PDB file of all heavy atoms in Angstrom:
ATOM      1  N   LEU A   1      48.312 186.485 146.687  1.00  0.00           N
ATOM      2  CA  LEU A   1      48.573 186.970 145.410  1.00  0.00           C
ATOM      3  C   LEU A   1      48.880 188.398 145.411  1.00  0.00           C
ATOM      4  O   LEU A   1      48.039 189.229 145.252  1.00  0.00           O
ATOM      5  CB  LEU A   1      47.430 186.666 144.360  1.00  0.00           C
ATOM      6  CG  LEU A   1      47.039 185.209 144.248  1.00  0.00           C
ATOM      7  CD1 LEU A   1      45.803 185.034 143.387  1.00  0.00           C
ATOM      8  CD2 LEU A   1      48.112 184.294 143.821  1.00  0.00           C
ATOM      9  N   GLY A   2      50.152 188.788 145.750  1.00  0.00           N
ATOM     10  CA  GLY A   2      50.489 190.177 145.918  1.00  0.00           C
ATOM     11  C   GLY A   2      50.448 190.890 144.506  1.00  0.00           C
ATOM     12  O   GLY A   2      51.117 190.392 143.623  1.00  0.00           O
ATOM     13  N   GLN A   3      49.852 191.989 144.414  1.00  0.00           N
ATOM     14  CA  GLN A   3      49.632 192.526 143.174  1.00  0.00           C
ATOM     15  C   GLN A   3      50.816 193.507 142.748  1.00  0.00           C
ATOM     16  O   GLN A   3      51.311 193.375 141.590  1.00  0.00           O
ATOM     17  CB  GLN A   3      48.336 193.382 143.078  1.00  0.00           C
ATOM     18  CG  GLN A   3      47.189 192.410 143.037  1.00  0.00           C
ATOM     19  CD  GLN A   3      45.898 193.158 142.644  1.00  0.00           C
ATOM     20  OE1 GLN A   3      45.857 194.362 142.514  1.00  0.00           O
ATOM     21  NE2 GLN A   3      44.875 192.382 142.429  1.00  0.00           N
ATOM     22  N   SER A   4      51.321 194.230 143.663  1.00  0.00           N
ATOM     23  CA  SER A   4      52.402 195.208 143.240  1.00  0.00           C
ATOM     24  C   SER A   4      53.353 195.548 144.358  1.00  0.00           C
ATOM     25  O   SER A   4      54.178 196.562 144.216  1.00  0.00           O
ATOM     26  CB  SER A   4      51.727 196.503 142.652  1.00  0.00           C
ATOM     27  OG  SER A   4      50.989 197.030 143.722  1.00  0.00           O
ATOM     28  N   ALA A   5      53.312 194.915 145.438  1.00  0.00           N
ATOM     29  CA  ALA A   5      54.187 195.245 146.573  1.00  0.00           C
ATOM     30  C   ALA A   5      54.785 194.023 147.222  1.00  0.00           C
ATOM     31  O   ALA A   5      54.324 192.834 146.973  1.00  0.00           O
ATOM     32  CB  ALA A   5      53.357 195.995 147.610  1.00  0.00           C
ATOM     33  N   ALA A   6      55.784 194.226 148.013  1.00  0.00           N
ATOM     34  CA  ALA A   6      56.617 193.110 148.655  1.00  0.00           C
ATOM     35  C   ALA A   6      55.742 192.389 149.754  1.00  0.00           C
ATOM     36  O   ALA A   6      54.836 192.863 150.235  1.00  0.00           O
ATOM     37  CB  ALA A   6      57.769 193.642 149.283  1.00  0.00           C
ATOM     38  N   ILE A   7      56.103 191.120 149.934  1.00  0.00           N
ATOM     39  CA  ILE A   7      55.570 190.230 150.910  1.00  0.00           C
ATOM     40  C   ILE A   7      56.692 189.846 151.840  1.00  0.00           C
ATOM     41  O   ILE A   7      57.650 189.294 151.418  1.00  0.00           O
ATOM     42  CB  ILE A   7      54.892 189.069 150.272  1.00  0.00           C
ATOM     43  CG1 ILE A   7      53.733 189.385 149.321  1.00  0.00           C
ATOM     44  CG2 ILE A   7      54.350 188.046 151.387  1.00  0.00           C
ATOM     45  CD1 ILE A   7      53.080 188.262 148.601  1.00  0.00           C
ATOM     46  N   THR A   8      56.417 190.059 153.128  1.00  0.00           N
ATOM     47  CA  THR A   8      57.404 189.596 154.180  1.00  0.00           C
ATOM     48  C   THR A   8      56.806 188.636 155.102  1.00  0.00           C
ATOM     49  O   THR A   8      55.698 188.848 155.691  1.00  0.00           O
ATOM     50  CB  THR A   8      57.863 190.824 155.069  1.00  0.00           C
ATOM     51  OG1 THR A   8      58.468 191.849 154.203  1.00  0.00           O
ATOM     52  CG2 THR A   8      58.862 190.401 156.053  1.00  0.00           C
ATOM     53  N   VAL A   9      57.372 187.409 155.162  1.00  0.00           N
ATOM     54  CA  VAL A   9      56.883 186.416 156.044  1.00  0.00           C
ATOM     55  C   VAL A   9      57.746 186.320 157.325  1.00  0.00           C
ATOM     56  O   VAL A   9      58.959 186.042 157.230  1.00  0.00           O
ATOM     57  CB  VAL A   9      56.872 185.012 155.364  1.00  0.00           C
ATOM     58  CG1 VAL A   9      56.288 183.903 156.286  1.00  0.00           C
ATOM     59  CG2 VAL A   9      56.049 185.168 154.122  1.00  0.00           C
ATOM     60  N   GLY A  10      57.228 186.688 158.481  1.00  0.00           N
ATOM     61  CA  GLY A  10      57.945 186.965 159.716  1.00  0.00           C
ATOM     62  C   GLY A  10      58.637 185.634 160.220  1.00  0.00           C
ATOM     63  O   GLY A  10      58.287 184.514 159.807  1.00  0.00           O
ATOM     64  N   ASP A  11      59.552 185.764 161.126  1.00  0.00           N
ATOM     65  CA  ASP A  11      60.264 184.739 161.685  1.00  0.00           C
ATOM     66  C   ASP A  11      59.388 183.577 162.179  1.00  0.00           C
ATOM     67  O   ASP A  11      58.573 183.921 163.038  1.00  0.00           O
ATOM     68  CB  ASP A  11      61.233 185.285 162.822  1.00  0.00           C
ATOM     69  CG  ASP A  11      62.279 184.307 163.235  1.00  0.00           C
ATOM     70  OD1 ASP A  11      63.009 183.755 162.311  1.00  0.00           O
ATOM     71  OD2 ASP A  11      62.558 184.126 164.422  1.00  0.00           O
ATOM     72  N   ASN A  12      59.722 182.380 161.774  1.00  0.00           N
ATOM     73  CA  ASN A  12      58.999 181.201 162.222  1.00  0.00           C
ATOM     74  C   ASN A  12      57.499 181.227 161.914  1.00  0.00           C
ATOM     75  O   ASN A  12      56.692 180.406 162.418  1.00  0.00           O
ATOM     76  CB  ASN A  12      59.224 180.941 163.600  1.00  0.00           C
ATOM     77  CG  ASN A  12      60.621 180.494 163.978  1.00  0.00           C
ATOM     78  OD1 ASN A  12      61.163 179.775 163.276  1.00  0.00           O
ATOM     79  ND2 ASN A  12      61.199 181.108 164.957  1.00  0.00           N
ATOM     80  N   ALA A  13      57.026 182.056 161.033  1.00  0.00           N
ATOM     81  CA  ALA A  13      55.621 181.977 160.558  1.00  0.00           C
ATOM     82  C   ALA A  13      55.428 180.799 159.648  1.00  0.00           C
ATOM     83  O   ALA A  13      56.373 180.478 158.948  1.00  0.00           O
ATOM     84  CB  ALA A  13      55.201 183.286 159.778  1.00  0.00           C
ATOM     85  N   THR A  14      54.292 180.260 159.709  1.00  0.00           N
ATOM     86  CA  THR A  14      54.073 178.982 158.976  1.00  0.00           C
ATOM     87  C   THR A  14      52.862 179.256 157.927  1.00  0.00           C
ATOM     88  O   THR A  14      51.799 179.782 158.325  1.00  0.00           O
ATOM     89  CB  THR A  14      53.571 177.864 159.874  1.00  0.00           C
ATOM     90  OG1 THR A  14      54.602 177.690 160.830  1.00  0.00           O
ATOM     91  CG2 THR A  14      53.372 176.549 159.157  1.00  0.00           C
ATOM     92  N   LEU A  15      53.138 178.971 156.671  1.00  0.00           N
ATOM     93  CA  LEU A  15      52.125 179.127 155.670  1.00  0.00           C
ATOM     94  C   LEU A  15      51.782 177.637 155.276  1.00  0.00           C
ATOM     95  O   LEU A  15      52.585 176.966 154.705  1.00  0.00           O
ATOM     96  CB  LEU A  15      52.623 179.873 154.447  1.00  0.00           C
ATOM     97  CG  LEU A  15      51.779 180.078 153.275  1.00  0.00           C
ATOM     98  CD1 LEU A  15      50.578 181.079 153.751  1.00  0.00           C
ATOM     99  CD2 LEU A  15      52.453 180.702 152.161  1.00  0.00           C
ATOM    100  N   LEU A  16      50.511 177.255 155.630  1.00  0.00           N
ATOM    101  CA  LEU A  16      50.116 175.892 155.405  1.00  0.00           C
ATOM    102  C   LEU A  16      49.219 175.799 154.123  1.00  0.00           C
ATOM    103  O   LEU A  16      48.307 176.511 153.987  1.00  0.00           O
ATOM    104  CB  LEU A  16      49.329 175.403 156.545  1.00  0.00           C
ATOM    105  CG  LEU A  16      50.128 175.336 157.914  1.00  0.00           C
ATOM    106  CD1 LEU A  16      49.218 174.967 159.007  1.00  0.00           C
ATOM    107  CD2 LEU A  16      51.204 174.330 157.718  1.00  0.00           C
ATOM    108  N   ASN A  17      49.658 174.931 153.283  1.00  0.00           N
ATOM    109  CA  ASN A  17      48.862 174.639 151.986  1.00  0.00           C
ATOM    110  C   ASN A  17      48.605 175.857 151.189  1.00  0.00           C
ATOM    111  O   ASN A  17      47.460 176.158 150.791  1.00  0.00           O
ATOM    112  CB  ASN A  17      47.551 173.958 152.395  1.00  0.00           C
ATOM    113  CG  ASN A  17      47.762 172.565 152.951  1.00  0.00           C
ATOM    114  OD1 ASN A  17      48.706 171.892 152.542  1.00  0.00           O
ATOM    115  ND2 ASN A  17      46.992 172.160 153.895  1.00  0.00           N
ATOM    116  N   GLY A  18      49.653 176.651 151.020  1.00  0.00           N
ATOM    117  CA  GLY A  18      49.452 177.886 150.222  1.00  0.00           C
ATOM    118  C   GLY A  18      50.741 178.243 149.408  1.00  0.00           C
ATOM    119  O   GLY A  18      51.683 177.616 149.442  1.00  0.00           O
ATOM    120  N   ARG A  19      50.533 179.296 148.740  1.00  0.00           N
ATOM    121  CA  ARG A  19      51.601 179.866 147.952  1.00  0.00           C
ATOM    122  C   ARG A  19      51.756 181.338 148.241  1.00  0.00           C
ATOM    123  O   ARG A  19      50.780 182.043 148.615  1.00  0.00           O
ATOM    124  CB  ARG A  19      51.302 179.685 146.445  1.00  0.00           C
ATOM    125  CG  ARG A  19      51.373 178.240 146.059  1.00  0.00           C
ATOM    126  CD  ARG A  19      50.924 178.045 144.602  1.00  0.00           C
ATOM    127  NE  ARG A  19      51.087 176.728 144.129  1.00  0.00           N
ATOM    128  CZ  ARG A  19      50.322 175.768 144.270  1.00  0.00           C
ATOM    129  NH1 ARG A  19      49.162 175.966 144.949  1.00  0.00           N
ATOM    130  NH2 ARG A  19      50.499 174.538 143.876  1.00  0.00           N
ATOM    131  N   VAL A  20      52.923 181.842 147.975  1.00  0.00           N
ATOM    132  CA  VAL A  20      53.226 183.352 148.143  1.00  0.00           C
ATOM    133  C   VAL A  20      53.690 183.820 146.859  1.00  0.00           C
ATOM    134  O   VAL A  20      54.852 183.554 146.384  1.00  0.00           O
ATOM    135  CB  VAL A  20      54.330 183.608 149.257  1.00  0.00           C
ATOM    136  CG1 VAL A  20      54.533 185.059 149.420  1.00  0.00           C
ATOM    137  CG2 VAL A  20      53.842 182.990 150.556  1.00  0.00           C
ATOM    138  N   LEU A  21      52.910 184.556 146.114  1.00  0.00           N
ATOM    139  CA  LEU A  21      53.260 185.094 144.814  1.00  0.00           C
ATOM    140  C   LEU A  21      53.184 186.606 144.796  1.00  0.00           C
ATOM    141  O   LEU A  21      52.253 187.164 145.343  1.00  0.00           O
ATOM    142  CB  LEU A  21      52.301 184.561 143.727  1.00  0.00           C
ATOM    143  CG  LEU A  21      52.198 183.050 143.747  1.00  0.00           C
ATOM    144  CD1 LEU A  21      51.037 182.604 142.838  1.00  0.00           C
ATOM    145  CD2 LEU A  21      53.489 182.360 143.214  1.00  0.00           C
ATOM    146  N   SER A  22      54.180 187.225 144.226  1.00  0.00           N
ATOM    147  CA  SER A  22      54.176 188.679 144.208  1.00  0.00           C
ATOM    148  C   SER A  22      54.842 189.203 142.984  1.00  0.00           C
ATOM    149  O   SER A  22      55.759 188.633 142.533  1.00  0.00           O
ATOM    150  CB  SER A  22      54.974 189.249 145.413  1.00  0.00           C
ATOM    151  OG  SER A  22      55.023 190.584 145.449  1.00  0.00           O
ATOM    152  N   ALA A  23      54.381 190.415 142.510  1.00  0.00           N
ATOM    153  CA  ALA A  23      55.143 191.097 141.464  1.00  0.00           C
ATOM    154  C   ALA A  23      56.313 191.851 141.935  1.00  0.00           C
ATOM    155  O   ALA A  23      57.116 192.370 141.180  1.00  0.00           O
ATOM    156  CB  ALA A  23      54.171 192.094 140.813  1.00  0.00           C
ATOM    157  N   ALA A  24      56.486 191.813 143.302  1.00  0.00           N
ATOM    158  CA  ALA A  24      57.700 192.411 143.865  1.00  0.00           C
ATOM    159  C   ALA A  24      58.471 191.310 144.693  1.00  0.00           C
ATOM    160  O   ALA A  24      58.286 190.140 144.399  1.00  0.00           O
ATOM    161  CB  ALA A  24      57.307 193.537 144.776  1.00  0.00           C
ATOM    162  N   ALA A  25      59.186 191.694 145.650  1.00  0.00           N
ATOM    163  CA  ALA A  25      59.963 190.764 146.414  1.00  0.00           C
ATOM    164  C   ALA A  25      59.227 189.963 147.400  1.00  0.00           C
ATOM    165  O   ALA A  25      58.141 190.404 147.952  1.00  0.00           O
ATOM    166  CB  ALA A  25      61.132 191.547 147.208  1.00  0.00           C
ATOM    167  N   VAL A  26      59.568 188.667 147.701  1.00  0.00           N
ATOM    168  CA  VAL A  26      59.129 187.987 148.814  1.00  0.00           C
ATOM    169  C   VAL A  26      60.265 187.599 149.704  1.00  0.00           C
ATOM    170  O   VAL A  26      61.284 187.058 149.331  1.00  0.00           O
ATOM    171  CB  VAL A  26      58.527 186.625 148.293  1.00  0.00           C
ATOM    172  CG1 VAL A  26      58.095 185.734 149.407  1.00  0.00           C
ATOM    173  CG2 VAL A  26      57.271 186.853 147.385  1.00  0.00           C
ATOM    174  N   THR A  27      60.091 188.052 150.953  1.00  0.00           N
ATOM    175  CA  THR A  27      61.179 187.807 151.984  1.00  0.00           C
ATOM    176  C   THR A  27      60.837 186.777 152.988  1.00  0.00           C
ATOM    177  O   THR A  27      59.684 186.885 153.586  1.00  0.00           O
ATOM    178  CB  THR A  27      61.544 189.095 152.694  1.00  0.00           C
ATOM    179  OG1 THR A  27      61.920 190.060 151.719  1.00  0.00           O
ATOM    180  CG2 THR A  27      62.657 188.927 153.694  1.00  0.00           C
ATOM    181  N   LEU A  28      61.579 185.715 153.177  1.00  0.00           N
ATOM    182  CA  LEU A  28      61.267 184.640 154.134  1.00  0.00           C
ATOM    183  C   LEU A  28      62.374 184.659 155.221  1.00  0.00           C
ATOM    184  O   LEU A  28      63.453 184.976 154.988  1.00  0.00           O
ATOM    185  CB  LEU A  28      61.240 183.343 153.413  1.00  0.00           C
ATOM    186  CG  LEU A  28      60.327 183.114 152.181  1.00  0.00           C
ATOM    187  CD1 LEU A  28      60.554 181.850 151.533  1.00  0.00           C
ATOM    188  CD2 LEU A  28      58.851 183.232 152.651  1.00  0.00           C
ATOM    189  N   SER A  29      61.885 184.235 156.420  1.00  0.00           N
ATOM    190  CA  SER A  29      62.737 184.192 157.574  1.00  0.00           C
ATOM    191  C   SER A  29      62.451 182.960 158.467  1.00  0.00           C
ATOM    192  O   SER A  29      61.560 182.995 159.239  1.00  0.00           O
ATOM    193  CB  SER A  29      62.596 185.478 158.391  1.00  0.00           C
ATOM    194  OG  SER A  29      63.495 185.407 159.466  1.00  0.00           O
ATOM    195  N   ASN A  30      63.194 181.917 158.243  1.00  0.00           N
ATOM    196  CA  ASN A  30      63.004 180.698 159.091  1.00  0.00           C
ATOM    197  C   ASN A  30      61.512 180.195 158.947  1.00  0.00           C
ATOM    198  O   ASN A  30      60.928 179.981 159.928  1.00  0.00           O
ATOM    199  CB  ASN A  30      63.371 180.851 160.599  1.00  0.00           C
ATOM    200  CG  ASN A  30      64.800 181.227 160.703  1.00  0.00           C
ATOM    201  OD1 ASN A  30      65.643 180.654 160.062  1.00  0.00           O
ATOM    202  ND2 ASN A  30      65.087 182.287 161.448  1.00  0.00           N
ATOM    203  N   ASN A  31      61.028 180.001 157.752  1.00  0.00           N
ATOM    204  CA  ASN A  31      59.580 179.674 157.545  1.00  0.00           C
ATOM    205  C   ASN A  31      59.393 178.276 156.994  1.00  0.00           C
ATOM    206  O   ASN A  31      60.183 177.719 156.349  1.00  0.00           O
ATOM    207  CB  ASN A  31      58.939 180.609 156.607  1.00  0.00           C
ATOM    208  CG  ASN A  31      59.241 182.130 157.040  1.00  0.00           C
ATOM    209  OD1 ASN A  31      59.867 182.806 156.304  1.00  0.00           O
ATOM    210  ND2 ASN A  31      58.653 182.546 158.103  1.00  0.00           N
TER     211      ASN A  31
END
């Protein structure tokens, strides 16, 4: 739960059973 800044999910990173929420940008790369 990003409060005020961007979230970057690196190349081939895996997020299992979760969510990515942000008041700013969320950047995904082959995830």
